[in-house]
Amino acid sequence: MTKKTYNVEAKGVIRLWMDVEASSQEEAEALAEKCTERMYGEPGPWQPLADGYTLEITSVREETPPKLIQIPKRDFIPGWDD
């Protein structure tokens, strides 16, 4: 049996918590709303929850092996590369 390779793309939701200093619930929500999109490793007030993530699979594609291109050997001609 030959195994095939598949490329899986997914988008994830990571559950986090953060501490925000605010004078009201509305202010805290507004501050949190500014931080809704973060890059991995970007500094910020976020603290991850243990095992707090979910993934949504967006596509699964079979990986096709690369095509091999046969390059013909060049005829040797004395003095050609001089």
PDB file of N, CA and C in Angstrom:
ATOM      1  N   MET A   1       0.845  -1.179   0.000  1.00  0.00           N
ATOM      2  CA  MET A   1       0.000   0.000   0.000  1.00  0.00           C
ATOM      3  C   MET A   1       0.887   1.237   0.000  1.00  0.00           C
ATOM      4  N   THR A   2       0.612   2.155  -0.884  1.00  0.00           N
ATOM      5  CA  THR A   2       1.368   3.396  -0.962  1.00  0.00           C
ATOM      6  C   THR A   2       0.621   4.475  -0.186  1.00  0.00           C
ATOM      7  N   LYS A   3       1.352   5.137   0.700  1.00  0.00           N
ATOM      8  CA  LYS A   3       0.733   6.227   1.454  1.00  0.00           C
ATOM      9  C   LYS A   3       0.837   7.505   0.651  1.00  0.00           C
ATOM     10  N   LYS A   4      -0.156   8.349   0.779  1.00  0.00           N
ATOM     11  CA  LYS A   4      -0.173   9.622   0.088  1.00  0.00           C
ATOM     12  C   LYS A   4      -0.037  10.738   1.119  1.00  0.00           C
ATOM     13  N   THR A   5       0.436  11.879   0.673  1.00  0.00           N
ATOM     14  CA  THR A   5       0.591  13.039   1.544  1.00  0.00           C
ATOM     15  C   THR A   5      -0.531  14.025   1.243  1.00  0.00           C
ATOM     16  N   TYR A   6      -1.094  14.571   2.304  1.00  0.00           N
ATOM     17  CA  TYR A   6      -2.178  15.534   2.156  1.00  0.00           C
ATOM     18  C   TYR A   6      -1.804  16.829   2.863  1.00  0.00           C
ATOM     19  N   ASN A   7      -2.208  17.944   2.285  1.00  0.00           N
ATOM     20  CA  ASN A   7      -1.987  19.252   2.866  1.00  0.00           C
ATOM     21  C   ASN A   7      -3.298  19.676   3.514  1.00  0.00           C
ATOM     22  N   VAL A   8      -3.253  19.935   4.826  1.00  0.00           N
ATOM     23  CA  VAL A   8      -4.450  20.326   5.565  1.00  0.00           C
ATOM     24  C   VAL A   8      -4.297  21.775   5.997  1.00  0.00           C
ATOM     25  N   GLU A   9      -5.268  22.599   5.642  1.00  0.00           N
ATOM     26  CA  GLU A   9      -5.291  23.984   6.094  1.00  0.00           C
ATOM     27  C   GLU A   9      -6.407  24.123   7.124  1.00  0.00           C
ATOM     28  N   ALA A  10      -6.123  24.887   8.157  1.00  0.00           N
ATOM     29  CA  ALA A  10      -7.122  25.075   9.202  1.00  0.00           C
ATOM     30  C   ALA A  10      -6.982  26.465   9.785  1.00  0.00           C
ATOM     31  N   LYS A  11      -8.066  26.972  10.306  1.00  0.00           N
ATOM     32  CA  LYS A  11      -7.983  28.204  11.077  1.00  0.00           C
ATOM     33  C   LYS A  11      -8.365  27.845  12.504  1.00  0.00           C
ATOM     34  N   GLY A  12      -7.727  28.477  13.442  1.00  0.00           N
ATOM     35  CA  GLY A  12      -7.916  28.090  14.825  1.00  0.00           C
ATOM     36  C   GLY A  12      -8.414  29.214  15.698  1.00  0.00           C
ATOM     37  N   VAL A  13      -9.034  28.816  16.768  1.00  0.00           N
ATOM     38  CA  VAL A  13      -9.450  29.736  17.816  1.00  0.00           C
ATOM     39  C   VAL A  13      -8.726  29.300  19.085  1.00  0.00           C
ATOM     40  N   ILE A  14      -7.933  30.195  19.630  1.00  0.00           N
ATOM     41  CA  ILE A  14      -7.179  29.896  20.836  1.00  0.00           C
ATOM     42  C   ILE A  14      -7.822  30.646  21.993  1.00  0.00           C
ATOM     43  N   ARG A  15      -8.183  29.917  23.010  1.00  0.00           N
ATOM     44  CA  ARG A  15      -8.811  30.549  24.169  1.00  0.00           C
ATOM     45  C   ARG A  15      -7.731  31.187  25.032  1.00  0.00           C
ATOM     46  N   LEU A  16      -7.922  32.447  25.352  1.00  0.00           N
ATOM     47  CA  LEU A  16      -6.944  33.221  26.106  1.00  0.00           C
ATOM     48  C   LEU A  16      -7.655  34.034  27.183  1.00  0.00           C
ATOM     49  N   TRP A  17      -6.873  34.528  28.090  1.00  0.00           N
ATOM     50  CA  TRP A  17      -7.391  35.508  29.040  1.00  0.00           C
ATOM     51  C   TRP A  17      -6.361  36.614  29.147  1.00  0.00           C
ATOM     52  N   MET A  18      -6.796  37.800  29.584  1.00  0.00           N
ATOM     53  CA  MET A  18      -5.871  38.900  29.785  1.00  0.00           C
ATOM     54  C   MET A  18      -6.391  39.793  30.895  1.00  0.00           C
ATOM     55  N   ASP A  19      -5.482  40.465  31.535  1.00  0.00           N
ATOM     56  CA  ASP A  19      -5.833  41.448  32.561  1.00  0.00           C
ATOM     57  C   ASP A  19      -5.776  42.828  31.931  1.00  0.00           C
ATOM     58  N   VAL A  20      -6.828  43.608  32.127  1.00  0.00           N
ATOM     59  CA  VAL A  20      -6.899  44.955  31.581  1.00  0.00           C
ATOM     60  C   VAL A  20      -7.288  45.900  32.713  1.00  0.00           C
ATOM     61  N   GLU A  21      -6.603  47.028  32.774  1.00  0.00           N
ATOM     62  CA  GLU A  21      -6.967  48.052  33.748  1.00  0.00           C
ATOM     63  C   GLU A  21      -7.946  49.011  33.096  1.00  0.00           C
ATOM     64  N   ALA A  22      -9.169  49.052  33.625  1.00  0.00           N
ATOM     65  CA  ALA A  22     -10.213  49.917  33.073  1.00  0.00           C
ATOM     66  C   ALA A  22     -11.111  50.383  34.207  1.00  0.00           C
ATOM     67  N   SER A  23     -11.803  51.486  33.968  1.00  0.00           N
ATOM     68  CA  SER A  23     -12.670  52.035  35.014  1.00  0.00           C
ATOM     69  C   SER A  23     -14.111  51.550  34.892  1.00  0.00           C
ATOM     70  N   SER A  24     -14.439  50.829  33.803  1.00  0.00           N
ATOM     71  CA  SER A  24     -15.798  50.303  33.649  1.00  0.00           C
ATOM     72  C   SER A  24     -15.768  49.060  32.762  1.00  0.00           C
ATOM     73  N   GLN A  25     -16.854  48.344  32.797  1.00  0.00           N
ATOM     74  CA  GLN A  25     -16.998  47.155  31.951  1.00  0.00           C
ATOM     75  C   GLN A  25     -16.902  47.533  30.477  1.00  0.00           C
ATOM     76  N   GLU A  26     -17.540  48.644  30.105  1.00  0.00           N
ATOM     77  CA  GLU A  26     -17.531  49.090  28.714  1.00  0.00           C
ATOM     78  C   GLU A  26     -16.108  49.420  28.258  1.00  0.00           C
ATOM     79  N   GLU A  27     -15.338  50.095  29.111  1.00  0.00           N
ATOM     80  CA  GLU A  27     -13.960  50.432  28.767  1.00  0.00           C
ATOM     81  C   GLU A  27     -13.110  49.170  28.615  1.00  0.00           C
ATOM     82  N   ALA A  28     -13.322  48.209  29.522  1.00  0.00           N
ATOM     83  CA  ALA A  28     -12.585  46.945  29.440  1.00  0.00           C
ATOM     84  C   ALA A  28     -12.914  46.205  28.144  1.00  0.00           C
ATOM     85  N   GLU A  29     -14.190  46.197  27.770  1.00  0.00           N
ATOM     86  CA  GLU A  29     -14.591  45.543  26.524  1.00  0.00           C
ATOM     87  C   GLU A  29     -13.993  46.257  25.315  1.00  0.00           C
ATOM     88  N   ALA A  30     -13.951  47.592  25.340  1.00  0.00           N
ATOM     89  CA  ALA A  30     -13.372  48.352  24.236  1.00  0.00           C
ATOM     90  C   ALA A  30     -11.868  48.073  24.121  1.00  0.00           C
ATOM     91  N   LEU A  31     -11.171  47.988  25.248  1.00  0.00           N
ATOM     92  CA  LEU A  31      -9.744  47.670  25.222  1.00  0.00           C
ATOM     93  C   LEU A  31      -9.507  46.264  24.686  1.00  0.00           C
ATOM     94  N   ALA A  32     -10.335  45.327  25.126  1.00  0.00           N
ATOM     95  CA  ALA A  32     -10.192  43.947  24.653  1.00  0.00           C
ATOM     96  C   ALA A  32     -10.488  43.849  23.169  1.00  0.00           C
ATOM     97  N   GLU A  33     -11.466  44.615  22.690  1.00  0.00           N
ATOM     98  CA  GLU A  33     -11.842  44.574  21.275  1.00  0.00           C
ATOM     99  C   GLU A  33     -10.696  45.041  20.368  1.00  0.00           C
ATOM    100  N   LYS A  34      -9.846  45.926  20.859  1.00  0.00           N
ATOM    101  CA  LYS A  34      -8.703  46.403  20.072  1.00  0.00           C
ATOM    102  C   LYS A  34      -7.669  45.306  19.851  1.00  0.00           C
ATOM    103  N   CYS A  35      -7.697  44.285  20.689  1.00  0.00           N
ATOM    104  CA  CYS A  35      -6.683  43.221  20.627  1.00  0.00           C
ATOM    105  C   CYS A  35      -7.240  41.936  20.049  1.00  0.00           C
ATOM    106  N   THR A  36      -8.256  42.013  19.192  1.00  0.00           N
ATOM    107  CA  THR A  36      -8.875  40.764  18.716  1.00  0.00           C
ATOM    108  C   THR A  36      -8.013  40.003  17.728  1.00  0.00           C
ATOM    109  N   GLU A  37      -7.132  40.669  16.988  1.00  0.00           N
ATOM    110  CA  GLU A  37      -6.270  39.965  16.042  1.00  0.00           C
ATOM    111  C   GLU A  37      -4.830  40.122  16.486  1.00  0.00           C
ATOM    112  N   ARG A  38      -4.230  39.007  16.853  1.00  0.00           N
ATOM    113  CA  ARG A  38      -2.848  39.004  17.323  1.00  0.00           C
ATOM    114  C   ARG A  38      -2.063  38.001  16.516  1.00  0.00           C
ATOM    115  N   MET A  39      -0.788  38.291  16.321  1.00  0.00           N
ATOM    116  CA  MET A  39       0.100  37.348  15.650  1.00  0.00           C
ATOM    117  C   MET A  39       0.766  36.472  16.703  1.00  0.00           C
ATOM    118  N   TYR A  40       1.074  35.244  16.337  1.00  0.00           N
ATOM    119  CA  TYR A  40       1.727  34.329  17.262  1.00  0.00           C
ATOM    120  C   TYR A  40       3.065  34.919  17.710  1.00  0.00           C
ATOM    121  N   GLY A  41       3.292  34.939  19.004  1.00  0.00           N
ATOM    122  CA  GLY A  41       4.544  35.445  19.548  1.00  0.00           C
ATOM    123  C   GLY A  41       4.581  36.949  19.732  1.00  0.00           C
ATOM    124  N   GLU A  42       3.545  37.645  19.274  1.00  0.00           N
ATOM    125  CA  GLU A  42       3.499  39.100  19.427  1.00  0.00           C
ATOM    126  C   GLU A  42       3.300  39.423  20.914  1.00  0.00           C
ATOM    127  N   PRO A  43       4.065  40.384  21.437  1.00  0.00           N
ATOM    128  CA  PRO A  43       3.911  40.699  22.864  1.00  0.00           C
ATOM    129  C   PRO A  43       2.543  41.318  23.143  1.00  0.00           C
ATOM    130  N   GLY A  44       2.046  41.058  24.314  1.00  0.00           N
ATOM    131  CA  GLY A  44       0.749  41.602  24.698  1.00  0.00           C
ATOM    132  C   GLY A  44       0.327  41.041  26.042  1.00  0.00           C
ATOM    133  N   PRO A  45      -0.853  41.434  26.501  1.00  0.00           N
ATOM    134  CA  PRO A  45      -1.313  41.006  27.824  1.00  0.00           C
ATOM    135  C   PRO A  45      -1.950  39.620  27.849  1.00  0.00           C
ATOM    136  N   TRP A  46      -1.964  38.920  26.733  1.00  0.00           N
ATOM    137  CA  TRP A  46      -2.674  37.649  26.656  1.00  0.00           C
ATOM    138  C   TRP A  46      -1.963  36.543  27.418  1.00  0.00           C
ATOM    139  N   GLN A  47      -2.743  35.707  28.071  1.00  0.00           N
ATOM    140  CA  GLN A  47      -2.260  34.504  28.750  1.00  0.00           C
ATOM    141  C   GLN A  47      -3.077  33.332  28.212  1.00  0.00           C
ATOM    142  N   PRO A  48      -2.441  32.294  27.671  1.00  0.00           N
ATOM    143  CA  PRO A  48      -3.215  31.175  27.114  1.00  0.00           C
ATOM    144  C   PRO A  48      -3.792  30.286  28.210  1.00  0.00           C
ATOM    145  N   LEU A  49      -4.939  29.716  27.919  1.00  0.00           N
ATOM    146  CA  LEU A  49      -5.538  28.707  28.794  1.00  0.00           C
ATOM    147  C   LEU A  49      -5.025  27.345  28.358  1.00  0.00           C
ATOM    148  N   ALA A  50      -4.782  26.462  29.305  1.00  0.00           N
ATOM    149  CA  ALA A  50      -4.298  25.124  28.975  1.00  0.00           C
ATOM    150  C   ALA A  50      -5.337  24.402  28.120  1.00  0.00           C
ATOM    151  N   ASP A  51      -4.892  23.814  27.030  1.00  0.00           N
ATOM    152  CA  ASP A  51      -5.763  23.047  26.127  1.00  0.00           C
ATOM    153  C   ASP A  51      -6.974  23.852  25.670  1.00  0.00           C
ATOM    154  N   GLY A  52      -6.798  25.140  25.486  1.00  0.00           N
ATOM    155  CA  GLY A  52      -7.944  25.979  25.141  1.00  0.00           C
ATOM    156  C   GLY A  52      -7.951  26.403  23.704  1.00  0.00           C
ATOM    157  N   TYR A  53      -7.949  25.469  22.753  1.00  0.00           N
ATOM    158  CA  TYR A  53      -8.006  25.862  21.355  1.00  0.00           C
ATOM    159  C   TYR A  53      -8.903  24.912  20.569  1.00  0.00           C
ATOM    160  N   THR A  54      -9.453  25.420  19.501  1.00  0.00           N
ATOM    161  CA  THR A  54     -10.232  24.602  18.573  1.00  0.00           C
ATOM    162  C   THR A  54      -9.751  24.927  17.168  1.00  0.00           C
ATOM    163  N   LEU A  55      -9.875  23.979  16.271  1.00  0.00           N
ATOM    164  CA  LEU A  55      -9.476  24.171  14.885  1.00  0.00           C
ATOM    165  C   LEU A  55     -10.664  23.913  13.975  1.00  0.00           C
ATOM    166  N   GLU A  56     -10.760  24.710  12.926  1.00  0.00           N
ATOM    167  CA  GLU A  56     -11.750  24.483  11.884  1.00  0.00           C
ATOM    168  C   GLU A  56     -10.976  24.164  10.608  1.00  0.00           C
ATOM    169  N   ILE A  57     -11.134  22.961  10.106  1.00  0.00           N
ATOM    170  CA  ILE A  57     -10.429  22.543   8.895  1.00  0.00           C
ATOM    171  C   ILE A  57     -11.069  23.262   7.710  1.00  0.00           C
ATOM    172  N   THR A  58     -10.259  23.963   6.936  1.00  0.00           N
ATOM    173  CA  THR A  58     -10.789  24.710   5.796  1.00  0.00           C
ATOM    174  C   THR A  58     -10.571  23.980   4.476  1.00  0.00           C
ATOM    175  N   SER A  59      -9.548  23.132   4.385  1.00  0.00           N
ATOM    176  CA  SER A  59      -9.363  22.355   3.157  1.00  0.00           C
ATOM    177  C   SER A  59      -8.402  21.201   3.403  1.00  0.00           C
ATOM    178  N   VAL A  60      -8.581  20.156   2.633  1.00  0.00           N
ATOM    179  CA  VAL A  60      -7.677  19.007   2.627  1.00  0.00           C
ATOM    180  C   VAL A  60      -7.416  18.679   1.163  1.00  0.00           C
ATOM    181  N   ARG A  61      -6.143  18.749   0.778  1.00  0.00           N
ATOM    182  CA  ARG A  61      -5.779  18.488  -0.616  1.00  0.00           C
ATOM    183  C   ARG A  61      -4.684  17.439  -0.658  1.00  0.00           C
ATOM    184  N   GLU A  62      -4.766  16.598  -1.659  1.00  0.00           N
ATOM    185  CA  GLU A  62      -3.693  15.626  -1.852  1.00  0.00           C
ATOM    186  C   GLU A  62      -2.497  16.357  -2.439  1.00  0.00           C
ATOM    187  N   GLU A  63      -1.347  16.119  -1.851  1.00  0.00           N
ATOM    188  CA  GLU A  63      -0.116  16.723  -2.348  1.00  0.00           C
ATOM    189  C   GLU A  63       0.350  15.904  -3.535  1.00  0.00           C
ATOM    190  N   THR A  64       0.593  16.571  -4.630  1.00  0.00           N
ATOM    191  CA  THR A  64       1.100  15.875  -5.800  1.00  0.00           C
ATOM    192  C   THR A  64       2.620  15.900  -5.770  1.00  0.00           C
ATOM    193  N   PRO A  65       3.235  14.787  -6.061  1.00  0.00           N
ATOM    194  CA  PRO A  65       4.701  14.773  -6.061  1.00  0.00           C
ATOM    195  C   PRO A  65       5.226  15.699  -7.145  1.00  0.00           C
ATOM    196  N   PRO A  66       6.385  16.298  -6.923  1.00  0.00           N
ATOM    197  CA  PRO A  66       6.936  17.194  -7.943  1.00  0.00           C
ATOM    198  C   PRO A  66       7.242  16.429  -9.230  1.00  0.00           C
ATOM    199  N   LYS A  67       7.028  17.096 -10.343  1.00  0.00           N
ATOM    200  CA  LYS A  67       7.311  16.468 -11.632  1.00  0.00           C
ATOM    201  C   LYS A  67       8.807  16.560 -11.903  1.00  0.00           C
ATOM    202  N   LEU A  68       9.361  15.476 -12.341  1.00  0.00           N
ATOM    203  CA  LEU A  68      10.777  15.459 -12.686  1.00  0.00           C
ATOM    204  C   LEU A  68      10.935  15.873 -14.136  1.00  0.00           C
ATOM    205  N   ILE A  69      11.834  16.790 -14.356  1.00  0.00           N
ATOM    206  CA  ILE A  69      12.100  17.268 -15.706  1.00  0.00           C
ATOM    207  C   ILE A  69      13.444  16.717 -16.134  1.00  0.00           C
ATOM    208  N   GLN A  70      13.447  16.025 -17.244  1.00  0.00           N
ATOM    209  CA  GLN A  70      14.688  15.484 -17.776  1.00  0.00           C
ATOM    210  C   GLN A  70      15.391  16.568 -18.583  1.00  0.00           C
ATOM    211  N   ILE A  71      16.580  16.945 -18.157  1.00  0.00           N
ATOM    212  CA  ILE A  71      17.374  17.939 -18.873  1.00  0.00           C
ATOM    213  C   ILE A  71      18.423  17.181 -19.681  1.00  0.00           C
ATOM    214  N   PRO A  72      18.371  17.326 -20.993  1.00  0.00           N
ATOM    215  CA  PRO A  72      19.342  16.585 -21.800  1.00  0.00           C
ATOM    216  C   PRO A  72      20.756  17.110 -21.564  1.00  0.00           C
ATOM    217  N   LYS A  73      21.711  16.199 -21.597  1.00  0.00           N
ATOM    218  CA  LYS A  73      23.109  16.594 -21.440  1.00  0.00           C
ATOM    219  C   LYS A  73      23.571  17.298 -22.700  1.00  0.00           C
ATOM    220  N   ARG A  74      24.380  18.313 -22.488  1.00  0.00           N
ATOM    221  CA  ARG A  74      24.900  19.084 -23.612  1.00  0.00           C
ATOM    222  C   ARG A  74      26.038  18.302 -24.258  1.00  0.00           C
ATOM    223  N   ASP A  75      26.080  18.331 -25.552  1.00  0.00           N
ATOM    224  CA  ASP A  75      27.187  17.691 -26.263  1.00  0.00           C
ATOM    225  C   ASP A  75      28.476  18.422 -25.938  1.00  0.00           C
ATOM    226  N   PHE A  76      29.518  17.664 -25.735  1.00  0.00           N
ATOM    227  CA  PHE A  76      30.819  18.274 -25.449  1.00  0.00           C
ATOM    228  C   PHE A  76      31.446  18.756 -26.748  1.00  0.00           C
ATOM    229  N   ILE A  77      31.696  20.053 -26.773  1.00  0.00           N
ATOM    230  CA  ILE A  77      32.359  20.641 -27.934  1.00  0.00           C
ATOM    231  C   ILE A  77      33.639  21.275 -27.428  1.00  0.00           C
ATOM    232  N   PRO A  78      34.792  20.746 -27.809  1.00  0.00           N
ATOM    233  CA  PRO A  78      36.059  21.315 -27.325  1.00  0.00           C
ATOM    234  C   PRO A  78      36.162  22.795 -27.659  1.00  0.00           C
ATOM    235  N   GLY A  79      36.573  23.589 -26.665  1.00  0.00           N
ATOM    236  CA  GLY A  79      36.757  25.018 -26.870  1.00  0.00           C
ATOM    237  C   GLY A  79      35.488  25.840 -26.753  1.00  0.00           C
ATOM    238  N   TRP A  80      34.326  25.205 -26.540  1.00  0.00           N
ATOM    239  CA  TRP A  80      33.054  25.932 -26.478  1.00  0.00           C
ATOM    240  C   TRP A  80      33.011  26.886 -25.289  1.00  0.00           C
ATOM    241  N   ASP A  81      33.482  26.466 -24.108  1.00  0.00           N
ATOM    242  CA  ASP A  81      33.395  27.265 -22.894  1.00  0.00           C
ATOM    243  C   ASP A  81      34.603  28.165 -22.674  1.00  0.00           C
ATOM    244  N   ASP A  82      35.533  28.237 -23.603  1.00  0.00           N
ATOM    245  CA  ASP A  82      36.728  29.078 -23.423  1.00  0.00           C
ATOM    246  C   ASP A  82      36.421  30.545 -23.619  1.00  0.00           C
TER     247      ASP A  82
END
